[in-house]
Amino acid sequence: MVTGLGLVVALVSCSAVTDPKVAVPWPWTGVLVALFSHLILTVLMSLKRLWMAHSKIPYLPPKG
């Protein structure tokens, strides 16, 4: 959640301070790539944990 919010803030800030007819400066590119990579890795880590938890459901003791 925080990473996604940071990415949105960085994208809006970048679009507000740069000229749309000129390429994005390299410092902004580095920040945006780092935030996007962090967001993707966080989502993939969450999916992996969800898959691992789902795969262990059959091994739980029966209720009752």
N, C-alpha and C. Protein backbone atom coordinates (compact mmCIF):
# COMPACT_ATOMS: atom_id res chain seq x y z
N MET A 1 0.83 -1.18 0.00
CA MET A 1 0.00 0.00 0.00
C MET A 1 0.88 1.25 0.00
N VAL A 2 1.87 1.29 0.87
CA VAL A 2 2.74 2.47 0.96
C VAL A 2 3.58 2.59 -0.31
N THR A 3 4.04 1.46 -0.84
CA THR A 3 4.85 1.51 -2.06
C THR A 3 4.02 2.00 -3.23
N GLY A 4 2.79 1.52 -3.34
CA GLY A 4 1.91 1.98 -4.42
C GLY A 4 1.61 3.45 -4.31
N LEU A 5 1.37 3.92 -3.09
CA LEU A 5 1.11 5.34 -2.87
C LEU A 5 2.35 6.17 -3.21
N GLY A 6 3.50 5.68 -2.82
CA GLY A 6 4.74 6.38 -3.16
C GLY A 6 4.97 6.44 -4.66
N LEU A 7 4.64 5.36 -5.36
CA LEU A 7 4.78 5.34 -6.81
C LEU A 7 3.83 6.34 -7.46
N VAL A 8 2.60 6.40 -6.99
CA VAL A 8 1.63 7.35 -7.55
C VAL A 8 2.08 8.79 -7.29
N VAL A 9 2.55 9.07 -6.08
CA VAL A 9 3.03 10.42 -5.76
C VAL A 9 4.22 10.78 -6.64
N ALA A 10 5.13 9.84 -6.84
CA ALA A 10 6.30 10.11 -7.67
C ALA A 10 5.91 10.33 -9.13
N LEU A 11 4.95 9.55 -9.63
CA LEU A 11 4.50 9.73 -11.01
C LEU A 11 3.81 11.08 -11.21
N VAL A 12 2.97 11.45 -10.26
CA VAL A 12 2.30 12.75 -10.36
C VAL A 12 3.30 13.88 -10.24
N SER A 13 4.24 13.77 -9.33
CA SER A 13 5.26 14.81 -9.18
C SER A 13 6.11 14.92 -10.44
N CYS A 14 6.47 13.79 -10.99
CA CYS A 14 7.29 13.79 -12.20
C CYS A 14 6.54 14.44 -13.36
N SER A 15 5.27 14.11 -13.50
CA SER A 15 4.51 14.70 -14.60
C SER A 15 4.23 16.18 -14.38
N ALA A 16 4.22 16.62 -13.12
CA ALA A 16 3.95 18.02 -12.84
C ALA A 16 5.17 18.91 -13.06
N VAL A 17 6.36 18.38 -12.85
CA VAL A 17 7.55 19.23 -12.92
C VAL A 17 8.35 19.08 -14.21
N THR A 18 8.00 18.12 -15.05
CA THR A 18 8.76 17.94 -16.29
C THR A 18 7.93 18.37 -17.49
N ASP A 19 8.62 18.72 -18.54
CA ASP A 19 7.98 19.12 -19.79
C ASP A 19 7.53 17.86 -20.54
N PRO A 20 6.28 17.80 -20.97
CA PRO A 20 5.81 16.58 -21.65
C PRO A 20 6.46 16.33 -23.00
N LYS A 21 7.11 17.33 -23.56
CA LYS A 21 7.74 17.15 -24.88
C LYS A 21 9.20 16.72 -24.77
N VAL A 22 9.70 16.64 -23.54
CA VAL A 22 11.10 16.27 -23.32
C VAL A 22 11.13 14.97 -22.53
N ALA A 23 12.17 14.18 -22.76
CA ALA A 23 12.31 12.91 -22.03
C ALA A 23 12.44 13.16 -20.53
N VAL A 24 12.03 12.19 -19.76
CA VAL A 24 12.11 12.28 -18.30
C VAL A 24 13.58 12.26 -17.90
N PRO A 25 14.02 13.16 -17.02
CA PRO A 25 15.42 13.18 -16.59
C PRO A 25 15.81 11.87 -15.88
N TRP A 26 17.08 11.55 -15.92
CA TRP A 26 17.53 10.27 -15.38
C TRP A 26 17.30 10.12 -13.88
N PRO A 27 17.36 11.17 -13.05
CA PRO A 27 17.06 10.94 -11.62
C PRO A 27 15.61 10.47 -11.41
N TRP A 28 14.68 11.09 -12.15
CA TRP A 28 13.28 10.65 -12.04
C TRP A 28 13.11 9.22 -12.54
N THR A 29 13.81 8.89 -13.61
CA THR A 29 13.72 7.53 -14.15
C THR A 29 14.19 6.51 -13.11
N GLY A 30 15.29 6.81 -12.45
CA GLY A 30 15.81 5.90 -11.42
C GLY A 30 14.84 5.72 -10.27
N VAL A 31 14.25 6.82 -9.82
CA VAL A 31 13.29 6.75 -8.71
C VAL A 31 12.06 5.94 -9.12
N LEU A 32 11.54 6.22 -10.31
CA LEU A 32 10.33 5.53 -10.76
C LEU A 32 10.58 4.03 -10.98
N VAL A 33 11.72 3.70 -11.56
CA VAL A 33 12.04 2.28 -11.77
C VAL A 33 12.22 1.57 -10.44
N ALA A 34 12.87 2.21 -9.49
CA ALA A 34 13.07 1.59 -8.17
C ALA A 34 11.74 1.36 -7.46
N LEU A 35 10.87 2.36 -7.49
CA LEU A 35 9.56 2.21 -6.83
C LEU A 35 8.69 1.16 -7.52
N PHE A 36 8.69 1.15 -8.85
CA PHE A 36 7.90 0.16 -9.58
C PHE A 36 8.43 -1.24 -9.32
N SER A 37 9.75 -1.41 -9.32
CA SER A 37 10.34 -2.73 -9.04
C SER A 37 9.98 -3.19 -7.62
N HIS A 38 10.04 -2.27 -6.67
CA HIS A 38 9.70 -2.61 -5.29
C HIS A 38 8.24 -3.04 -5.20
N LEU A 39 7.35 -2.32 -5.90
CA LEU A 39 5.93 -2.67 -5.89
C LEU A 39 5.70 -4.05 -6.49
N ILE A 40 6.33 -4.34 -7.62
CA ILE A 40 6.15 -5.65 -8.27
C ILE A 40 6.68 -6.77 -7.38
N LEU A 41 7.84 -6.57 -6.77
CA LEU A 41 8.40 -7.60 -5.90
C LEU A 41 7.53 -7.82 -4.66
N THR A 42 6.94 -6.76 -4.13
CA THR A 42 6.05 -6.89 -2.98
C THR A 42 4.80 -7.68 -3.35
N VAL A 43 4.22 -7.39 -4.50
CA VAL A 43 3.03 -8.14 -4.95
C VAL A 43 3.38 -9.61 -5.18
N LEU A 44 4.51 -9.88 -5.82
CA LEU A 44 4.91 -11.27 -6.05
C LEU A 44 5.18 -12.02 -4.75
N MET A 45 5.79 -11.35 -3.78
CA MET A 45 6.03 -11.98 -2.48
C MET A 45 4.71 -12.30 -1.79
N SER A 46 3.74 -11.40 -1.88
CA SER A 46 2.43 -11.65 -1.27
C SER A 46 1.73 -12.82 -1.95
N LEU A 47 1.81 -12.88 -3.27
CA LEU A 47 1.20 -14.01 -3.99
C LEU A 47 1.86 -15.34 -3.63
N LYS A 48 3.17 -15.33 -3.45
CA LYS A 48 3.88 -16.55 -3.07
C LYS A 48 3.44 -17.02 -1.69
N ARG A 49 3.31 -16.09 -0.77
CA ARG A 49 2.87 -16.46 0.59
C ARG A 49 1.44 -16.96 0.58
N LEU A 50 0.58 -16.35 -0.22
CA LEU A 50 -0.79 -16.81 -0.33
C LEU A 50 -0.85 -18.21 -0.93
N TRP A 51 -0.04 -18.48 -1.94
CA TRP A 51 0.01 -19.80 -2.56
C TRP A 51 0.52 -20.84 -1.57
N MET A 52 1.55 -20.50 -0.81
CA MET A 52 2.07 -21.45 0.18
C MET A 52 1.03 -21.76 1.26
N ALA A 53 0.32 -20.75 1.72
CA ALA A 53 -0.72 -20.97 2.73
C ALA A 53 -1.85 -21.82 2.15
N HIS A 54 -2.21 -21.57 0.90
CA HIS A 54 -3.28 -22.34 0.26
C HIS A 54 -2.87 -23.80 0.05
N SER A 55 -1.60 -24.03 -0.26
CA SER A 55 -1.16 -25.40 -0.52
C SER A 55 -1.09 -26.24 0.76
N LYS A 56 -1.07 -25.61 1.93
CA LYS A 56 -0.98 -26.36 3.20
C LYS A 56 -2.35 -26.61 3.83
N ILE A 57 -3.42 -26.16 3.21
CA ILE A 57 -4.76 -26.36 3.75
C ILE A 57 -5.10 -27.85 3.91
N PRO A 58 -4.78 -28.72 2.94
CA PRO A 58 -5.15 -30.14 3.13
C PRO A 58 -4.44 -30.82 4.32
N TYR A 59 -3.34 -30.27 4.78
CA TYR A 59 -2.60 -30.88 5.87
C TYR A 59 -3.02 -30.41 7.25
N LEU A 60 -3.99 -29.52 7.30
CA LEU A 60 -4.49 -29.04 8.60
C LEU A 60 -5.28 -30.15 9.30
N PRO A 61 -5.23 -30.19 10.62
CA PRO A 61 -6.02 -31.21 11.33
C PRO A 61 -7.52 -30.93 11.14
N PRO A 62 -8.31 -31.97 11.14
CA PRO A 62 -9.75 -31.77 10.96
C PRO A 62 -10.37 -31.06 12.15
N LYS A 63 -11.38 -30.28 11.87
CA LYS A 63 -12.09 -29.58 12.93
C LYS A 63 -13.07 -30.55 13.59
N GLY A 64 -13.26 -30.32 14.84
CA GLY A 64 -14.31 -31.10 15.43
C GLY A 64 -13.96 -31.72 16.68
